[in-house]
């Protein structure tokens, strides 16, 4: 008799959910009581990014420090509500590749920072595209069906083998 599989399943789901929350890019809850985001958080130079901050309490202004991207140090953000501000910025062509911390601060003193990743223009060189589209799509679909079938067969064999003998 197999016992304890359900608690292990719940523990695995909880660990996976916690990892997902921690790994969400461009979202920061740390800092001085404010929360913020950058969407998208991975961009090329010349792309637009929307920065957002939610202040801890009512504020009439908020600002963004973009010096790590080659921007001014005190950029005024646009007010959405008395606690929310945003700003659309085009990533300068002079911004270096890699991760950049961008700080935002509210008039009430709350602050946060988000990470923006600047990537090189164009995609990675991955070959000549010989496996894109066409007959290879059918082969990939057939391979997926075989994997699903093998998993179902293994499940049925396991159930049959572990069934109680009468």
N, C-alpha and C. Protein backbone atom coordinates (compact mmCIF):
# COMPACT_ATOMS: atom_id res chain seq x y z
N UNK A 1 0.85 -1.17 0.00
CA UNK A 1 0.00 0.00 0.00
C UNK A 1 0.90 1.24 0.00
N UNK A 2 0.60 2.16 -0.89
CA UNK A 2 1.37 3.40 -0.99
C UNK A 2 0.65 4.49 -0.20
N UNK A 3 1.35 5.06 0.75
CA UNK A 3 0.77 6.15 1.53
C UNK A 3 1.68 7.35 1.45
N UNK A 4 1.14 8.50 1.69
CA UNK A 4 1.94 9.70 1.75
C UNK A 4 2.18 10.39 0.43
N UNK A 5 1.57 9.91 -0.66
CA UNK A 5 1.81 10.55 -1.96
C UNK A 5 1.14 11.92 -2.03
N UNK A 6 0.00 12.09 -1.39
CA UNK A 6 -0.71 13.37 -1.48
C UNK A 6 0.04 14.48 -0.75
N UNK A 7 0.55 14.26 0.47
CA UNK A 7 1.34 15.32 1.10
C UNK A 7 2.59 15.69 0.30
N UNK A 8 3.24 14.68 -0.31
CA UNK A 8 4.41 14.97 -1.15
C UNK A 8 4.01 15.80 -2.37
N UNK A 9 2.86 15.50 -2.95
CA UNK A 9 2.36 16.26 -4.10
C UNK A 9 2.10 17.71 -3.70
N UNK A 10 1.45 17.91 -2.54
CA UNK A 10 1.18 19.27 -2.07
C UNK A 10 2.47 20.03 -1.77
N UNK A 11 3.43 19.36 -1.15
CA UNK A 11 4.71 20.01 -0.85
C UNK A 11 5.43 20.41 -2.13
N UNK A 12 5.41 19.54 -3.13
CA UNK A 12 6.04 19.87 -4.41
C UNK A 12 5.36 21.04 -5.09
N UNK A 13 4.03 21.08 -5.03
CA UNK A 13 3.30 22.21 -5.62
C UNK A 13 3.61 23.50 -4.90
N UNK A 14 3.72 23.45 -3.57
CA UNK A 14 4.04 24.65 -2.80
C UNK A 14 5.44 25.15 -3.12
N UNK A 15 6.41 24.25 -3.23
CA UNK A 15 7.77 24.65 -3.57
C UNK A 15 7.81 25.24 -4.98
N UNK A 16 7.10 24.64 -5.92
CA UNK A 16 7.05 25.16 -7.28
C UNK A 16 6.41 26.54 -7.33
N UNK A 17 5.32 26.74 -6.60
CA UNK A 17 4.65 28.05 -6.58
C UNK A 17 5.55 29.10 -5.95
N UNK A 18 6.25 28.75 -4.88
CA UNK A 18 7.16 29.71 -4.25
C UNK A 18 8.29 30.08 -5.19
N UNK A 19 8.83 29.11 -5.91
CA UNK A 19 9.88 29.39 -6.88
C UNK A 19 9.41 30.30 -7.99
N UNK A 20 8.18 30.10 -8.46
CA UNK A 20 7.62 30.94 -9.51
C UNK A 20 7.47 32.37 -9.04
N UNK A 21 6.99 32.55 -7.82
CA UNK A 21 6.82 33.90 -7.29
C UNK A 21 8.16 34.60 -7.15
N UNK A 22 9.16 33.88 -6.68
CA UNK A 22 10.49 34.46 -6.49
C UNK A 22 11.12 34.80 -7.84
N UNK A 23 10.87 33.98 -8.85
CA UNK A 23 11.54 34.16 -10.13
C UNK A 23 10.85 35.14 -11.07
N UNK A 24 9.73 35.70 -10.71
CA UNK A 24 9.06 36.63 -11.61
C UNK A 24 9.96 37.82 -11.91
N UNK A 25 10.26 38.03 -13.21
CA UNK A 25 11.17 39.11 -13.54
C UNK A 25 10.51 40.47 -13.49
N UNK A 26 11.32 41.48 -13.14
CA UNK A 26 10.88 42.86 -13.21
C UNK A 26 9.95 43.29 -12.11
N UNK A 27 9.68 42.45 -11.11
CA UNK A 27 8.78 42.83 -10.04
C UNK A 27 9.56 42.88 -8.74
N UNK A 28 9.43 43.95 -8.01
CA UNK A 28 10.16 44.09 -6.76
C UNK A 28 9.21 44.50 -5.65
N UNK A 29 9.26 43.76 -4.55
CA UNK A 29 8.46 44.11 -3.39
C UNK A 29 9.38 44.56 -2.26
N UNK A 30 10.70 44.45 -2.46
CA UNK A 30 11.64 44.83 -1.43
C UNK A 30 11.86 46.33 -1.47
N UNK A 31 12.50 46.83 -0.47
CA UNK A 31 12.81 48.24 -0.46
C UNK A 31 12.06 48.93 0.64
N UNK A 32 11.65 50.18 0.38
CA UNK A 32 11.06 51.02 1.40
C UNK A 32 9.56 51.07 1.35
N UNK A 33 8.88 49.95 1.28
CA UNK A 33 7.43 49.91 1.39
C UNK A 33 6.68 50.06 0.10
N UNK A 34 7.32 50.47 -0.98
CA UNK A 34 6.65 50.61 -2.27
C UNK A 34 6.86 49.33 -3.07
N UNK A 35 6.01 49.11 -4.06
CA UNK A 35 6.20 47.99 -4.97
C UNK A 35 6.25 48.56 -6.38
N UNK A 36 6.96 47.89 -7.26
CA UNK A 36 7.10 48.40 -8.60
C UNK A 36 7.33 47.31 -9.62
N UNK A 37 7.29 47.70 -10.89
CA UNK A 37 7.52 46.75 -11.96
C UNK A 37 8.06 47.47 -13.19
N UNK A 38 8.66 46.68 -14.08
CA UNK A 38 9.10 47.15 -15.39
C UNK A 38 8.56 46.15 -16.39
N UNK A 39 7.80 46.63 -17.36
CA UNK A 39 7.20 45.74 -18.35
C UNK A 39 7.50 46.23 -19.74
N UNK A 40 8.11 45.46 -20.59
CA UNK A 40 8.74 44.18 -20.29
C UNK A 40 10.05 44.40 -19.54
N UNK A 41 10.51 43.38 -18.88
CA UNK A 41 11.72 43.52 -18.09
C UNK A 41 12.97 43.14 -18.87
N UNK A 42 12.80 42.52 -20.03
CA UNK A 42 13.93 42.19 -20.91
C UNK A 42 13.66 42.85 -22.26
N UNK A 43 14.57 43.74 -22.68
CA UNK A 43 14.35 44.54 -23.88
C UNK A 43 15.65 44.72 -24.65
N UNK A 44 15.51 45.23 -25.87
CA UNK A 44 16.64 45.68 -26.68
C UNK A 44 16.73 47.19 -26.53
N UNK A 45 17.87 47.77 -26.88
CA UNK A 45 17.95 49.22 -26.91
C UNK A 45 16.97 49.71 -27.97
N UNK A 46 16.34 50.83 -27.72
CA UNK A 46 15.33 51.37 -28.64
C UNK A 46 13.92 50.90 -28.34
N UNK A 47 13.76 49.88 -27.48
CA UNK A 47 12.42 49.39 -27.10
C UNK A 47 11.84 50.25 -25.99
N UNK A 48 10.52 50.25 -25.88
CA UNK A 48 9.84 50.98 -24.81
C UNK A 48 9.65 50.09 -23.60
N UNK A 49 9.79 50.67 -22.41
CA UNK A 49 9.56 49.97 -21.15
C UNK A 49 8.64 50.84 -20.31
N UNK A 50 7.64 50.22 -19.68
CA UNK A 50 6.75 50.93 -18.77
C UNK A 50 7.19 50.63 -17.34
N UNK A 51 7.55 51.68 -16.61
CA UNK A 51 7.91 51.56 -15.20
C UNK A 51 6.70 51.96 -14.36
N UNK A 52 6.43 51.20 -13.30
CA UNK A 52 5.27 51.43 -12.45
C UNK A 52 5.71 51.36 -10.99
N UNK A 53 5.17 52.26 -10.17
CA UNK A 53 5.41 52.20 -8.73
C UNK A 53 4.09 52.44 -8.01
N UNK A 54 3.87 51.66 -6.96
CA UNK A 54 2.74 51.88 -6.06
C UNK A 54 3.32 52.29 -4.72
N UNK A 55 3.02 53.54 -4.32
CA UNK A 55 3.57 54.12 -3.11
C UNK A 55 2.88 53.54 -1.88
N UNK A 56 3.56 53.63 -0.75
CA UNK A 56 3.03 53.11 0.51
C UNK A 56 1.83 53.94 0.99
N UNK A 57 1.86 55.26 0.74
CA UNK A 57 0.74 56.12 1.13
C UNK A 57 0.57 57.20 0.06
N UNK A 58 -0.39 58.04 0.26
CA UNK A 58 -0.71 59.09 -0.72
C UNK A 58 0.52 59.97 -1.00
N UNK A 59 0.80 60.18 -2.28
CA UNK A 59 1.93 61.00 -2.71
C UNK A 59 1.49 61.84 -3.90
N UNK A 60 2.04 63.03 -4.02
CA UNK A 60 1.70 63.85 -5.17
C UNK A 60 2.72 63.71 -6.30
N UNK A 61 3.90 63.14 -5.99
CA UNK A 61 4.93 62.93 -7.02
C UNK A 61 5.69 61.64 -6.77
N UNK A 62 6.31 61.15 -7.84
CA UNK A 62 7.23 60.02 -7.77
C UNK A 62 8.26 60.24 -8.87
N UNK A 63 9.46 59.72 -8.65
CA UNK A 63 10.51 59.91 -9.65
C UNK A 63 11.28 58.61 -9.86
N UNK A 64 11.97 58.55 -11.01
CA UNK A 64 12.73 57.39 -11.41
C UNK A 64 14.18 57.82 -11.61
N UNK A 65 15.12 57.01 -11.14
CA UNK A 65 16.54 57.26 -11.35
C UNK A 65 17.04 56.29 -12.40
N UNK A 66 17.38 56.82 -13.57
CA UNK A 66 17.78 55.97 -14.68
C UNK A 66 19.24 56.07 -15.05
N UNK A 67 20.11 56.46 -14.11
CA UNK A 67 21.52 56.66 -14.43
C UNK A 67 22.21 55.39 -14.90
N UNK A 68 21.78 54.22 -14.42
CA UNK A 68 22.42 52.97 -14.85
C UNK A 68 22.13 52.68 -16.32
N UNK A 69 21.10 53.32 -16.87
CA UNK A 69 20.75 53.15 -18.28
C UNK A 69 21.25 54.31 -19.14
N UNK A 70 21.91 55.28 -18.53
CA UNK A 70 22.36 56.45 -19.26
C UNK A 70 21.29 57.53 -19.33
N UNK A 71 20.32 57.48 -18.43
CA UNK A 71 19.24 58.47 -18.36
C UNK A 71 19.50 59.42 -17.20
N UNK A 72 18.72 60.50 -17.11
CA UNK A 72 18.88 61.42 -15.97
C UNK A 72 18.60 60.74 -14.64
N UNK A 73 19.03 61.39 -13.56
CA UNK A 73 18.89 60.79 -12.23
C UNK A 73 17.55 61.05 -11.57
N UNK A 74 16.76 61.99 -12.05
CA UNK A 74 15.52 62.31 -11.36
C UNK A 74 14.42 62.61 -12.40
N UNK A 75 13.82 61.56 -12.95
CA UNK A 75 12.80 61.71 -13.99
C UNK A 75 11.43 61.66 -13.32
N UNK A 76 10.63 62.70 -13.54
CA UNK A 76 9.29 62.78 -12.95
C UNK A 76 8.38 61.73 -13.59
N UNK A 77 7.65 60.96 -12.76
CA UNK A 77 6.72 59.95 -13.24
C UNK A 77 5.31 60.54 -13.34
N UNK A 78 4.47 59.92 -14.17
CA UNK A 78 3.10 60.39 -14.38
C UNK A 78 2.17 59.79 -13.32
N UNK A 79 1.31 60.63 -12.74
CA UNK A 79 0.39 60.19 -11.69
C UNK A 79 -0.80 59.46 -12.31
N UNK A 80 -1.10 58.27 -11.79
CA UNK A 80 -2.29 57.51 -12.18
C UNK A 80 -3.37 57.72 -11.12
N UNK A 81 -3.00 57.44 -9.87
CA UNK A 81 -3.87 57.71 -8.71
C UNK A 81 -2.99 58.40 -7.66
N UNK A 82 -3.52 58.62 -6.47
CA UNK A 82 -2.71 59.28 -5.44
C UNK A 82 -1.63 58.37 -4.85
N UNK A 83 -1.62 57.09 -5.22
CA UNK A 83 -0.56 56.18 -4.76
C UNK A 83 0.14 55.47 -5.91
N UNK A 84 -0.30 55.66 -7.15
CA UNK A 84 0.27 54.93 -8.29
C UNK A 84 0.80 55.89 -9.35
N UNK A 85 1.99 55.56 -9.87
CA UNK A 85 2.64 56.38 -10.88
C UNK A 85 3.26 55.45 -11.92
N UNK A 86 3.36 55.95 -13.16
CA UNK A 86 4.05 55.17 -14.18
C UNK A 86 4.80 56.09 -15.12
N UNK A 87 5.65 55.48 -15.94
CA UNK A 87 6.46 56.24 -16.88
C UNK A 87 6.89 55.31 -18.00
N UNK A 88 6.67 55.73 -19.26
CA UNK A 88 7.15 54.98 -20.42
C UNK A 88 8.47 55.58 -20.86
N UNK A 89 9.47 54.74 -21.02
CA UNK A 89 10.80 55.18 -21.43
C UNK A 89 11.27 54.34 -22.59
N UNK A 90 11.88 54.98 -23.58
CA UNK A 90 12.54 54.28 -24.68
C UNK A 90 13.99 54.04 -24.25
N UNK A 91 14.40 52.79 -24.28
CA UNK A 91 15.76 52.45 -23.86
C UNK A 91 16.76 53.11 -24.81
N UNK A 92 17.69 53.90 -24.27
CA UNK A 92 18.64 54.60 -25.14
C UNK A 92 19.57 53.62 -25.87
N UNK A 93 19.97 54.01 -27.07
CA UNK A 93 20.89 53.17 -27.86
C UNK A 93 22.23 53.00 -27.16
N UNK A 94 22.55 53.93 -26.27
CA UNK A 94 23.83 53.88 -25.56
C UNK A 94 23.81 52.95 -24.35
N UNK A 95 22.64 52.41 -23.98
CA UNK A 95 22.54 51.53 -22.81
C UNK A 95 23.34 50.25 -23.07
N UNK A 96 24.14 49.87 -22.09
CA UNK A 96 24.96 48.67 -22.24
C UNK A 96 24.14 47.42 -21.97
N UNK A 97 24.56 46.32 -22.60
CA UNK A 97 23.88 45.04 -22.40
C UNK A 97 24.06 44.57 -20.97
N UNK A 98 23.08 43.80 -20.49
CA UNK A 98 23.16 43.24 -19.15
C UNK A 98 22.04 43.73 -18.25
N UNK A 99 22.14 43.41 -16.97
CA UNK A 99 21.13 43.77 -15.98
C UNK A 99 21.40 45.16 -15.42
N UNK A 100 20.32 45.94 -15.28
CA UNK A 100 20.42 47.29 -14.74
C UNK A 100 19.36 47.47 -13.66
N UNK A 101 19.76 47.95 -12.50
CA UNK A 101 18.81 48.29 -11.43
C UNK A 101 18.32 49.71 -11.66
N UNK A 102 17.00 49.87 -11.63
CA UNK A 102 16.38 51.18 -11.80
C UNK A 102 15.59 51.46 -10.53
N UNK A 103 15.89 52.59 -9.87
CA UNK A 103 15.24 52.94 -8.61
C UNK A 103 14.11 53.92 -8.85
N UNK A 104 13.04 53.76 -8.06
CA UNK A 104 11.90 54.67 -8.09
C UNK A 104 11.58 55.07 -6.66
N UNK A 105 11.21 56.33 -6.47
CA UNK A 105 10.91 56.81 -5.12
C UNK A 105 9.67 57.70 -5.15
N UNK A 106 8.83 57.55 -4.11
CA UNK A 106 7.63 58.35 -3.94
C UNK A 106 7.91 59.53 -3.02
N UNK A 107 7.05 60.53 -3.11
CA UNK A 107 7.18 61.70 -2.25
C UNK A 107 7.07 61.33 -0.77
N UNK A 108 6.31 60.27 -0.44
CA UNK A 108 6.15 59.87 0.96
C UNK A 108 7.40 59.17 1.52
N UNK A 109 8.44 59.01 0.69
CA UNK A 109 9.67 58.38 1.13
C UNK A 109 9.77 56.90 0.81
N UNK A 110 8.67 56.28 0.43
CA UNK A 110 8.74 54.86 0.07
C UNK A 110 9.46 54.73 -1.28
N UNK A 111 10.13 53.61 -1.47
CA UNK A 111 10.92 53.41 -2.69
C UNK A 111 11.01 51.94 -3.02
N UNK A 112 11.45 51.66 -4.23
CA UNK A 112 11.69 50.30 -4.68
C UNK A 112 12.65 50.36 -5.86
N UNK A 113 13.15 49.22 -6.26
CA UNK A 113 13.95 49.14 -7.47
C UNK A 113 13.54 47.91 -8.26
N UNK A 114 13.71 47.99 -9.57
CA UNK A 114 13.39 46.89 -10.46
C UNK A 114 14.60 46.63 -11.34
N UNK A 115 14.66 45.46 -11.92
CA UNK A 115 15.77 45.11 -12.80
C UNK A 115 15.27 45.05 -14.24
N UNK A 116 16.02 45.71 -15.11
CA UNK A 116 15.75 45.67 -16.55
C UNK A 116 16.97 45.03 -17.20
N UNK A 117 16.74 44.07 -18.09
CA UNK A 117 17.83 43.39 -18.78
C UNK A 117 17.84 43.87 -20.23
N UNK A 118 18.98 44.40 -20.66
CA UNK A 118 19.16 44.84 -22.04
C UNK A 118 19.85 43.70 -22.79
N UNK A 119 19.23 43.24 -23.87
CA UNK A 119 19.77 42.15 -24.67
C UNK A 119 20.29 42.70 -25.99
N UNK A 120 21.15 41.95 -26.66
CA UNK A 120 21.64 42.40 -27.96
C UNK A 120 20.52 42.34 -29.00
N UNK A 121 20.62 43.17 -30.03
CA UNK A 121 19.64 43.13 -31.12
C UNK A 121 19.75 41.82 -31.87
N UNK A 122 18.61 41.32 -32.32
CA UNK A 122 18.59 40.08 -33.08
C UNK A 122 18.63 38.87 -32.18
N UNK A 123 18.28 37.75 -32.73
CA UNK A 123 18.26 36.52 -31.96
C UNK A 123 19.61 35.83 -32.00
N UNK A 124 19.73 34.81 -31.21
CA UNK A 124 20.95 34.01 -31.19
C UNK A 124 21.04 33.20 -32.47
N UNK A 125 22.24 32.97 -32.95
CA UNK A 125 22.44 32.18 -34.15
C UNK A 125 22.27 30.72 -33.79
N UNK A 126 21.14 30.14 -34.20
CA UNK A 126 20.83 28.76 -33.83
C UNK A 126 20.78 27.82 -35.01
N UNK A 127 21.22 28.23 -36.16
CA UNK A 127 21.23 27.36 -37.32
C UNK A 127 20.52 27.99 -38.49
N UNK A 128 20.25 27.15 -39.51
CA UNK A 128 19.67 27.68 -40.75
C UNK A 128 18.16 27.58 -40.81
N UNK A 129 17.51 27.14 -39.75
CA UNK A 129 16.04 27.06 -39.74
C UNK A 129 15.50 25.83 -40.42
N UNK A 130 16.34 24.81 -40.63
CA UNK A 130 15.91 23.62 -41.34
C UNK A 130 14.81 22.86 -40.62
N UNK A 131 14.67 23.05 -39.32
CA UNK A 131 13.64 22.32 -38.57
C UNK A 131 12.41 23.17 -38.29
N UNK A 132 12.26 24.30 -38.97
CA UNK A 132 11.11 25.15 -38.69
C UNK A 132 10.02 24.91 -39.72
N UNK A 133 8.83 24.57 -39.23
CA UNK A 133 7.66 24.41 -40.10
C UNK A 133 7.73 23.15 -40.94
N UNK A 134 6.74 23.00 -41.83
CA UNK A 134 6.72 21.89 -42.79
C UNK A 134 6.54 20.54 -42.13
N UNK A 135 7.23 19.54 -42.73
CA UNK A 135 7.08 18.15 -42.29
C UNK A 135 7.59 17.96 -40.87
N UNK A 136 8.54 18.78 -40.45
CA UNK A 136 9.08 18.61 -39.10
C UNK A 136 8.03 18.88 -38.03
N UNK A 137 7.03 19.72 -38.33
CA UNK A 137 5.95 19.99 -37.37
C UNK A 137 5.17 18.71 -37.09
N UNK A 138 4.89 17.94 -38.15
CA UNK A 138 4.19 16.67 -37.97
C UNK A 138 5.04 15.69 -37.17
N UNK A 139 6.34 15.67 -37.43
CA UNK A 139 7.23 14.77 -36.69
C UNK A 139 7.27 15.14 -35.21
N UNK A 140 7.29 16.42 -34.92
CA UNK A 140 7.30 16.85 -33.52
C UNK A 140 5.99 16.47 -32.84
N UNK A 141 4.87 16.66 -33.53
CA UNK A 141 3.57 16.29 -32.97
C UNK A 141 3.50 14.79 -32.73
N UNK A 142 3.99 13.99 -33.68
CA UNK A 142 4.00 12.54 -33.51
C UNK A 142 4.88 12.13 -32.33
N UNK A 143 6.03 12.78 -32.20
CA UNK A 143 6.91 12.49 -31.06
C UNK A 143 6.24 12.81 -29.74
N UNK A 144 5.51 13.94 -29.70
CA UNK A 144 4.78 14.30 -28.49
C UNK A 144 3.72 13.26 -28.14
N UNK A 145 3.00 12.78 -29.15
CA UNK A 145 1.99 11.74 -28.91
C UNK A 145 2.64 10.46 -28.38
N UNK A 146 3.80 10.10 -28.93
CA UNK A 146 4.50 8.91 -28.44
C UNK A 146 4.92 9.06 -26.98
N UNK A 147 5.38 10.24 -26.60
CA UNK A 147 5.78 10.47 -25.22
C UNK A 147 4.57 10.37 -24.30
N UNK A 148 3.44 10.98 -24.70
CA UNK A 148 2.22 10.90 -23.89
C UNK A 148 1.75 9.45 -23.79
N UNK A 149 1.80 8.72 -24.91
CA UNK A 149 1.40 7.31 -24.89
C UNK A 149 2.28 6.47 -23.99
N UNK A 150 3.59 6.72 -24.03
CA UNK A 150 4.51 5.97 -23.16
C UNK A 150 4.22 6.27 -21.70
N UNK A 151 3.93 7.54 -21.39
CA UNK A 151 3.59 7.90 -20.00
C UNK A 151 2.32 7.22 -19.54
N UNK A 152 1.30 7.21 -20.40
CA UNK A 152 0.03 6.55 -20.05
C UNK A 152 0.23 5.05 -19.87
N UNK A 153 1.03 4.43 -20.77
CA UNK A 153 1.30 3.00 -20.65
C UNK A 153 2.03 2.67 -19.36
N UNK A 154 3.01 3.48 -19.00
CA UNK A 154 3.74 3.28 -17.75
C UNK A 154 2.83 3.41 -16.54
N UNK A 155 1.93 4.38 -16.60
CA UNK A 155 0.98 4.57 -15.50
C UNK A 155 0.08 3.33 -15.36
N UNK A 156 -0.44 2.83 -16.48
CA UNK A 156 -1.31 1.65 -16.43
C UNK A 156 -0.55 0.43 -15.92
N UNK A 157 0.69 0.23 -16.37
CA UNK A 157 1.48 -0.90 -15.88
C UNK A 157 1.74 -0.78 -14.38
N UNK A 158 2.03 0.41 -13.92
CA UNK A 158 2.26 0.63 -12.49
C UNK A 158 1.00 0.32 -11.70
N UNK A 159 -0.14 0.76 -12.18
CA UNK A 159 -1.41 0.51 -11.48
C UNK A 159 -1.72 -0.99 -11.46
N UNK A 160 -1.46 -1.67 -12.57
CA UNK A 160 -1.74 -3.09 -12.64
C UNK A 160 -0.84 -3.87 -11.69
N UNK A 161 0.45 -3.49 -11.64
CA UNK A 161 1.40 -4.19 -10.80
C UNK A 161 1.12 -3.94 -9.32
N UNK A 162 0.63 -2.74 -8.98
CA UNK A 162 0.43 -2.44 -7.57
C UNK A 162 -1.00 -2.72 -7.09
N UNK A 163 -1.82 -3.33 -7.96
CA UNK A 163 -3.17 -3.68 -7.56
C UNK A 163 -3.12 -4.83 -6.54
N UNK A 164 -3.99 -4.80 -5.53
CA UNK A 164 -3.97 -5.88 -4.53
C UNK A 164 -4.38 -7.23 -5.14
N UNK A 165 -3.72 -8.28 -4.72
CA UNK A 165 -4.02 -9.63 -5.19
C UNK A 165 -5.18 -10.17 -4.40
N UNK A 166 -6.14 -10.79 -5.10
CA UNK A 166 -7.31 -11.35 -4.42
C UNK A 166 -7.38 -12.82 -4.53
